[in-house]
């Protein structure tokens, strides 16, 4: 199992969310529980489509970009 951060908000009565660590992973639901289920399904689908494993020696760096 992987612990990821769900960022969510409400828009017109819907719960909209994304996974902070997986920018392409967005979903929605009529309830927070439905959003959690839906986003988990999207995450599973994205994992299936990702043919490149993340190397163990991946590094990160903060990058400041002009808006």
PDB file of N, CA and C in Angstrom:
ATOM      1  N   UNK A   1       0.842  -1.183   0.000  1.00  0.00           N
ATOM      2  CA  UNK A   1       0.000   0.000   0.000  1.00  0.00           C
ATOM      3  C   UNK A   1       0.885   1.245   0.000  1.00  0.00           C
ATOM      4  N   UNK A   2       0.374   2.294  -0.603  1.00  0.00           N
ATOM      5  CA  UNK A   2       1.080   3.557  -0.697  1.00  0.00           C
ATOM      6  C   UNK A   2       0.222   4.650  -0.062  1.00  0.00           C
ATOM      7  N   UNK A   3       0.825   5.440   0.812  1.00  0.00           N
ATOM      8  CA  UNK A   3       0.103   6.559   1.425  1.00  0.00           C
ATOM      9  C   UNK A   3       0.274   7.789   0.539  1.00  0.00           C
ATOM     10  N   UNK A   4      -0.848   8.322   0.031  1.00  0.00           N
ATOM     11  CA  UNK A   4      -0.832   9.501  -0.819  1.00  0.00           C
ATOM     12  C   UNK A   4      -1.741  10.578  -0.211  1.00  0.00           C
ATOM     13  N   UNK A   5      -1.569  11.803  -0.647  1.00  0.00           N
ATOM     14  CA  UNK A   5      -2.321  12.930  -0.101  1.00  0.00           C
ATOM     15  C   UNK A   5      -3.459  13.315  -1.040  1.00  0.00           C
ATOM     16  N   UNK A   6      -4.687  13.201  -0.547  1.00  0.00           N
ATOM     17  CA  UNK A   6      -5.858  13.620  -1.311  1.00  0.00           C
ATOM     18  C   UNK A   6      -6.142  15.085  -1.002  1.00  0.00           C
ATOM     19  N   UNK A   7      -6.080  15.928  -2.021  1.00  0.00           N
ATOM     20  CA  UNK A   7      -6.485  17.327  -1.904  1.00  0.00           C
ATOM     21  C   UNK A   7      -7.887  17.413  -2.508  1.00  0.00           C
ATOM     22  N   UNK A   8      -8.837  17.983  -1.779  1.00  0.00           N
ATOM     23  CA  UNK A   8     -10.199  18.025  -2.314  1.00  0.00           C
ATOM     24  C   UNK A   8     -10.905  19.318  -1.919  1.00  0.00           C
ATOM     25  N   UNK A   9     -11.960  19.636  -2.683  1.00  0.00           N
ATOM     26  CA  UNK A   9     -12.771  20.822  -2.462  1.00  0.00           C
ATOM     27  C   UNK A   9     -14.157  20.537  -3.017  1.00  0.00           C
ATOM     28  N   UNK A  10     -15.097  21.399  -2.699  1.00  0.00           N
ATOM     29  CA  UNK A  10     -16.454  21.246  -3.213  1.00  0.00           C
ATOM     30  C   UNK A  10     -16.723  22.294  -4.279  1.00  0.00           C
ATOM     31  N   UNK A  11     -17.432  21.861  -5.326  1.00  0.00           N
ATOM     32  CA  UNK A  11     -17.815  22.748  -6.421  1.00  0.00           C
ATOM     33  C   UNK A  11     -19.194  22.328  -6.896  1.00  0.00           C
ATOM     34  N   UNK A  12     -20.163  23.210  -6.757  1.00  0.00           N
ATOM     35  CA  UNK A  12     -21.551  22.919  -7.161  1.00  0.00           C
ATOM     36  C   UNK A  12     -22.074  21.623  -6.543  1.00  0.00           C
ATOM     37  N   UNK A  13     -21.744  21.389  -5.280  1.00  0.00           N
ATOM     38  CA  UNK A  13     -22.250  20.217  -4.578  1.00  0.00           C
ATOM     39  C   UNK A  13     -21.447  18.938  -4.788  1.00  0.00           C
ATOM     40  N   UNK A  14     -20.445  18.960  -5.641  1.00  0.00           N
ATOM     41  CA  UNK A  14     -19.600  17.790  -5.896  1.00  0.00           C
ATOM     42  C   UNK A  14     -18.296  17.921  -5.129  1.00  0.00           C
ATOM     43  N   UNK A  15     -17.752  16.808  -4.699  1.00  0.00           N
ATOM     44  CA  UNK A  15     -16.411  16.762  -4.136  1.00  0.00           C
ATOM     45  C   UNK A  15     -15.450  16.495  -5.289  1.00  0.00           C
ATOM     46  N   UNK A  16     -14.511  17.399  -5.495  1.00  0.00           N
ATOM     47  CA  UNK A  16     -13.514  17.288  -6.549  1.00  0.00           C
ATOM     48  C   UNK A  16     -12.172  17.063  -5.859  1.00  0.00           C
ATOM     49  N   UNK A  17     -11.348  16.169  -6.398  1.00  0.00           N
ATOM     50  CA  UNK A  17     -10.081  15.917  -5.737  1.00  0.00           C
ATOM     51  C   UNK A  17      -8.983  15.486  -6.677  1.00  0.00           C
ATOM     52  N   UNK A  18      -7.775  15.571  -6.138  1.00  0.00           N
ATOM     53  CA  UNK A  18      -6.583  15.131  -6.864  1.00  0.00           C
ATOM     54  C   UNK A  18      -5.593  14.587  -5.854  1.00  0.00           C
ATOM     55  N   UNK A  19      -4.678  13.781  -6.347  1.00  0.00           N
ATOM     56  CA  UNK A  19      -3.608  13.269  -5.498  1.00  0.00           C
ATOM     57  C   UNK A  19      -2.400  14.176  -5.671  1.00  0.00           C
ATOM     58  N   UNK A  20      -1.943  14.757  -4.589  1.00  0.00           N
ATOM     59  CA  UNK A  20      -0.829  15.711  -4.634  1.00  0.00           C
ATOM     60  C   UNK A  20       0.400  15.088  -5.285  1.00  0.00           C
ATOM     61  N   UNK A  21       0.687  13.839  -4.972  1.00  0.00           N
ATOM     62  CA  UNK A  21       1.899  13.183  -5.476  1.00  0.00           C
ATOM     63  C   UNK A  21       1.758  12.666  -6.908  1.00  0.00           C
ATOM     64  N   UNK A  22       0.541  12.640  -7.437  1.00  0.00           N
ATOM     65  CA  UNK A  22       0.284  12.132  -8.793  1.00  0.00           C
ATOM     66  C   UNK A  22      -0.555  13.181  -9.525  1.00  0.00           C
ATOM     67  N   UNK A  23       0.086  14.194 -10.122  1.00  0.00           N
ATOM     68  CA  UNK A  23      -0.648  15.324 -10.693  1.00  0.00           C
ATOM     69  C   UNK A  23      -1.727  14.951 -11.714  1.00  0.00           C
ATOM     70  N   UNK A  24      -1.589  13.853 -12.396  1.00  0.00           N
ATOM     71  CA  UNK A  24      -2.580  13.473 -13.406  1.00  0.00           C
ATOM     72  C   UNK A  24      -3.800  12.764 -12.811  1.00  0.00           C
ATOM     73  N   UNK A  25      -3.829  12.551 -11.515  1.00  0.00           N
ATOM     74  CA  UNK A  25      -4.887  11.774 -10.877  1.00  0.00           C
ATOM     75  C   UNK A  25      -5.946  12.692 -10.275  1.00  0.00           C
ATOM     76  N   UNK A  26      -7.028  12.923 -11.034  1.00  0.00           N
ATOM     77  CA  UNK A  26      -8.168  13.742 -10.624  1.00  0.00           C
ATOM     78  C   UNK A  26      -9.426  12.886 -10.653  1.00  0.00           C
ATOM     79  N   UNK A  27     -10.409  13.227  -9.811  1.00  0.00           N
ATOM     80  CA  UNK A  27     -11.710  12.588  -9.894  1.00  0.00           C
ATOM     81  C   UNK A  27     -12.734  13.441  -9.147  1.00  0.00           C
ATOM     82  N   UNK A  28     -13.974  12.927  -9.069  1.00  0.00           N
ATOM     83  CA  UNK A  28     -15.045  13.623  -8.367  1.00  0.00           C
ATOM     84  C   UNK A  28     -16.010  12.608  -7.791  1.00  0.00           C
ATOM     85  N   UNK A  29     -16.869  13.069  -6.904  1.00  0.00           N
ATOM     86  CA  UNK A  29     -17.896  12.216  -6.329  1.00  0.00           C
ATOM     87  C   UNK A  29     -18.959  13.056  -5.650  1.00  0.00           C
ATOM     88  N   UNK A  30     -20.144  12.491  -5.510  1.00  0.00           N
ATOM     89  CA  UNK A  30     -21.223  13.218  -4.839  1.00  0.00           C
ATOM     90  C   UNK A  30     -20.983  13.304  -3.334  1.00  0.00           C
ATOM     91  N   UNK A  31     -20.188  12.382  -2.792  1.00  0.00           N
ATOM     92  CA  UNK A  31     -19.814  12.390  -1.381  1.00  0.00           C
ATOM     93  C   UNK A  31     -18.297  12.238  -1.296  1.00  0.00           C
ATOM     94  N   UNK A  32     -17.752  12.532  -0.130  1.00  0.00           N
ATOM     95  CA  UNK A  32     -16.319  12.359   0.056  1.00  0.00           C
ATOM     96  C   UNK A  32     -15.934  10.884  -0.072  1.00  0.00           C
ATOM     97  N   UNK A  33     -16.770  10.007   0.440  1.00  0.00           N
ATOM     98  CA  UNK A  33     -16.494   8.568   0.326  1.00  0.00           C
ATOM     99  C   UNK A  33     -16.479   8.130  -1.136  1.00  0.00           C
ATOM    100  N   UNK A  34     -17.412   8.655  -1.935  1.00  0.00           N
ATOM    101  CA  UNK A  34     -17.441   8.309  -3.360  1.00  0.00           C
ATOM    102  C   UNK A  34     -16.200   8.852  -4.070  1.00  0.00           C
ATOM    103  N   UNK A  35     -15.780  10.069  -3.723  1.00  0.00           N
ATOM    104  CA  UNK A  35     -14.551  10.618  -4.294  1.00  0.00           C
ATOM    105  C   UNK A  35     -13.365   9.725  -3.963  1.00  0.00           C
ATOM    106  N   UNK A  36     -13.260   9.281  -2.722  1.00  0.00           N
ATOM    107  CA  UNK A  36     -12.149   8.413  -2.324  1.00  0.00           C
ATOM    108  C   UNK A  36     -12.141   7.122  -3.138  1.00  0.00           C
ATOM    109  N   UNK A  37     -13.298   6.526  -3.333  1.00  0.00           N
ATOM    110  CA  UNK A  37     -13.396   5.305  -4.145  1.00  0.00           C
ATOM    111  C   UNK A  37     -13.003   5.579  -5.590  1.00  0.00           C
ATOM    112  N   UNK A  38     -13.532   6.672  -6.144  1.00  0.00           N
ATOM    113  CA  UNK A  38     -13.259   6.997  -7.547  1.00  0.00           C
ATOM    114  C   UNK A  38     -11.785   7.320  -7.782  1.00  0.00           C
ATOM    115  N   UNK A  39     -11.181   8.075  -6.875  1.00  0.00           N
ATOM    116  CA  UNK A  39      -9.790   8.448  -7.077  1.00  0.00           C
ATOM    117  C   UNK A  39      -8.878   7.237  -6.925  1.00  0.00           C
ATOM    118  N   UNK A  40      -9.256   6.297  -6.069  1.00  0.00           N
ATOM    119  CA  UNK A  40      -8.485   5.053  -5.946  1.00  0.00           C
ATOM    120  C   UNK A  40      -8.538   4.259  -7.255  1.00  0.00           C
ATOM    121  N   UNK A  41      -9.705   4.251  -7.904  1.00  0.00           N
ATOM    122  CA  UNK A  41      -9.838   3.552  -9.192  1.00  0.00           C
ATOM    123  C   UNK A  41      -8.983   4.224 -10.264  1.00  0.00           C
ATOM    124  N   UNK A  42      -8.994   5.557 -10.295  1.00  0.00           N
ATOM    125  CA  UNK A  42      -8.175   6.286 -11.266  1.00  0.00           C
ATOM    126  C   UNK A  42      -6.696   5.992 -11.020  1.00  0.00           C
ATOM    127  N   UNK A  43      -6.291   6.006  -9.753  1.00  0.00           N
ATOM    128  CA  UNK A  43      -4.895   5.721  -9.407  1.00  0.00           C
ATOM    129  C   UNK A  43      -4.494   4.321  -9.883  1.00  0.00           C
ATOM    130  N   UNK A  44      -5.360   3.344  -9.659  1.00  0.00           N
ATOM    131  CA  UNK A  44      -5.071   1.978 -10.118  1.00  0.00           C
ATOM    132  C   UNK A  44      -4.921   1.923 -11.635  1.00  0.00           C
ATOM    133  N   UNK A  45      -5.787   2.635 -12.368  1.00  0.00           N
ATOM    134  CA  UNK A  45      -5.694   2.667 -13.826  1.00  0.00           C
ATOM    135  C   UNK A  45      -4.402   3.337 -14.286  1.00  0.00           C
ATOM    136  N   UNK A  46      -4.013   4.420 -13.628  1.00  0.00           N
ATOM    137  CA  UNK A  46      -2.773   5.091 -13.989  1.00  0.00           C
ATOM    138  C   UNK A  46      -1.565   4.198 -13.735  1.00  0.00           C
ATOM    139  N   UNK A  47      -1.594   3.427 -12.660  1.00  0.00           N
ATOM    140  CA  UNK A  47      -0.483   2.512 -12.362  1.00  0.00           C
ATOM    141  C   UNK A  47      -0.360   1.457 -13.453  1.00  0.00           C
ATOM    142  N   UNK A  48      -1.485   0.978 -13.960  1.00  0.00           N
ATOM    143  CA  UNK A  48      -1.463  -0.035 -15.017  1.00  0.00           C
ATOM    144  C   UNK A  48      -0.854   0.517 -16.296  1.00  0.00           C
ATOM    145  N   UNK A  49      -1.104   1.807 -16.579  1.00  0.00           N
ATOM    146  CA  UNK A  49      -0.620   2.424 -17.807  1.00  0.00           C
ATOM    147  C   UNK A  49       0.822   2.900 -17.713  1.00  0.00           C
ATOM    148  N   UNK A  50       1.420   2.872 -16.534  1.00  0.00           N
ATOM    149  CA  UNK A  50       2.771   3.392 -16.345  1.00  0.00           C
ATOM    150  C   UNK A  50       3.788   2.276 -16.581  1.00  0.00           C
ATOM    151  N   UNK A  51       4.396   2.237 -17.775  1.00  0.00           N
ATOM    152  CA  UNK A  51       5.334   1.163 -18.070  1.00  0.00           C
ATOM    153  C   UNK A  51       6.719   1.379 -17.455  1.00  0.00           C
ATOM    154  N   UNK A  52       7.003   2.587 -16.962  1.00  0.00           N
ATOM    155  CA  UNK A  52       8.328   2.875 -16.430  1.00  0.00           C
ATOM    156  C   UNK A  52       8.315   2.902 -14.904  1.00  0.00           C
ATOM    157  N   UNK A  53       8.984   1.973 -14.262  1.00  0.00           N
ATOM    158  CA  UNK A  53       9.049   2.016 -12.795  1.00  0.00           C
ATOM    159  C   UNK A  53       9.917   3.183 -12.347  1.00  0.00           C
ATOM    160  N   UNK A  54       9.618   3.721 -11.185  1.00  0.00           N
ATOM    161  CA  UNK A  54      10.423   4.807 -10.631  1.00  0.00           C
ATOM    162  C   UNK A  54      11.683   4.202 -10.029  1.00  0.00           C
ATOM    163  N   UNK A  55      12.849   4.653 -10.462  1.00  0.00           N
ATOM    164  CA  UNK A  55      14.097   4.107  -9.929  1.00  0.00           C
ATOM    165  C   UNK A  55      14.234   4.394  -8.429  1.00  0.00           C
ATOM    166  N   UNK A  56      14.924   3.532  -7.724  1.00  0.00           N
ATOM    167  CA  UNK A  56      15.107   3.683  -6.284  1.00  0.00           C
ATOM    168  C   UNK A  56      15.946   4.907  -5.937  1.00  0.00           C
ATOM    169  N   UNK A  57      16.762   5.384  -6.855  1.00  0.00           N
ATOM    170  CA  UNK A  57      17.651   6.505  -6.562  1.00  0.00           C
ATOM    171  C   UNK A  57      17.107   7.849  -7.057  1.00  0.00           C
ATOM    172  N   UNK A  58      15.786   7.984  -7.202  1.00  0.00           N
ATOM    173  CA  UNK A  58      15.190   9.240  -7.651  1.00  0.00           C
ATOM    174  C   UNK A  58      15.448  10.318  -6.604  1.00  0.00           C
ATOM    175  N   UNK A  59      15.786  11.514  -7.081  1.00  0.00           N
ATOM    176  CA  UNK A  59      16.007  12.651  -6.200  1.00  0.00           C
ATOM    177  C   UNK A  59      14.983  13.731  -6.531  1.00  0.00           C
ATOM    178  N   UNK A  60      14.742  14.640  -5.596  1.00  0.00           N
ATOM    179  CA  UNK A  60      13.836  15.744  -5.842  1.00  0.00           C
ATOM    180  C   UNK A  60      14.540  17.062  -5.557  1.00  0.00           C
ATOM    181  N   UNK A  61      13.997  18.124  -6.134  1.00  0.00           N
ATOM    182  CA  UNK A  61      14.563  19.446  -5.948  1.00  0.00           C
ATOM    183  C   UNK A  61      13.443  20.453  -6.106  1.00  0.00           C
ATOM    184  N   UNK A  62      13.400  21.461  -5.258  1.00  0.00           N
ATOM    185  CA  UNK A  62      12.413  22.531  -5.414  1.00  0.00           C
ATOM    186  C   UNK A  62      12.852  23.418  -6.568  1.00  0.00           C
ATOM    187  N   UNK A  63      11.880  23.869  -7.345  1.00  0.00           N
ATOM    188  CA  UNK A  63      12.163  24.682  -8.502  1.00  0.00           C
ATOM    189  C   UNK A  63      11.191  25.858  -8.497  1.00  0.00           C
ATOM    190  N   UNK A  64      11.710  27.080  -8.476  1.00  0.00           N
ATOM    191  CA  UNK A  64      10.903  28.281  -8.478  1.00  0.00           C
ATOM    192  C   UNK A  64      10.746  28.759  -9.914  1.00  0.00           C
ATOM    193  N   UNK A  65       9.489  28.853 -10.385  1.00  0.00           N
ATOM    194  CA  UNK A  65       9.199  29.296 -11.751  1.00  0.00           C
ATOM    195  C   UNK A  65       8.437  30.606 -11.713  1.00  0.00           C
ATOM    196  N   UNK A  66       8.704  31.484 -12.633  1.00  0.00           N
ATOM    197  CA  UNK A  66       7.976  32.745 -12.723  1.00  0.00           C
ATOM    198  C   UNK A  66       6.574  32.473 -13.241  1.00  0.00           C
ATOM    199  N   UNK A  67       5.607  33.149 -12.665  1.00  0.00           N
ATOM    200  CA  UNK A  67       4.208  32.954 -13.073  1.00  0.00           C
ATOM    201  C   UNK A  67       3.897  33.733 -14.326  1.00  0.00           C
TER     202      UNK A  67
END
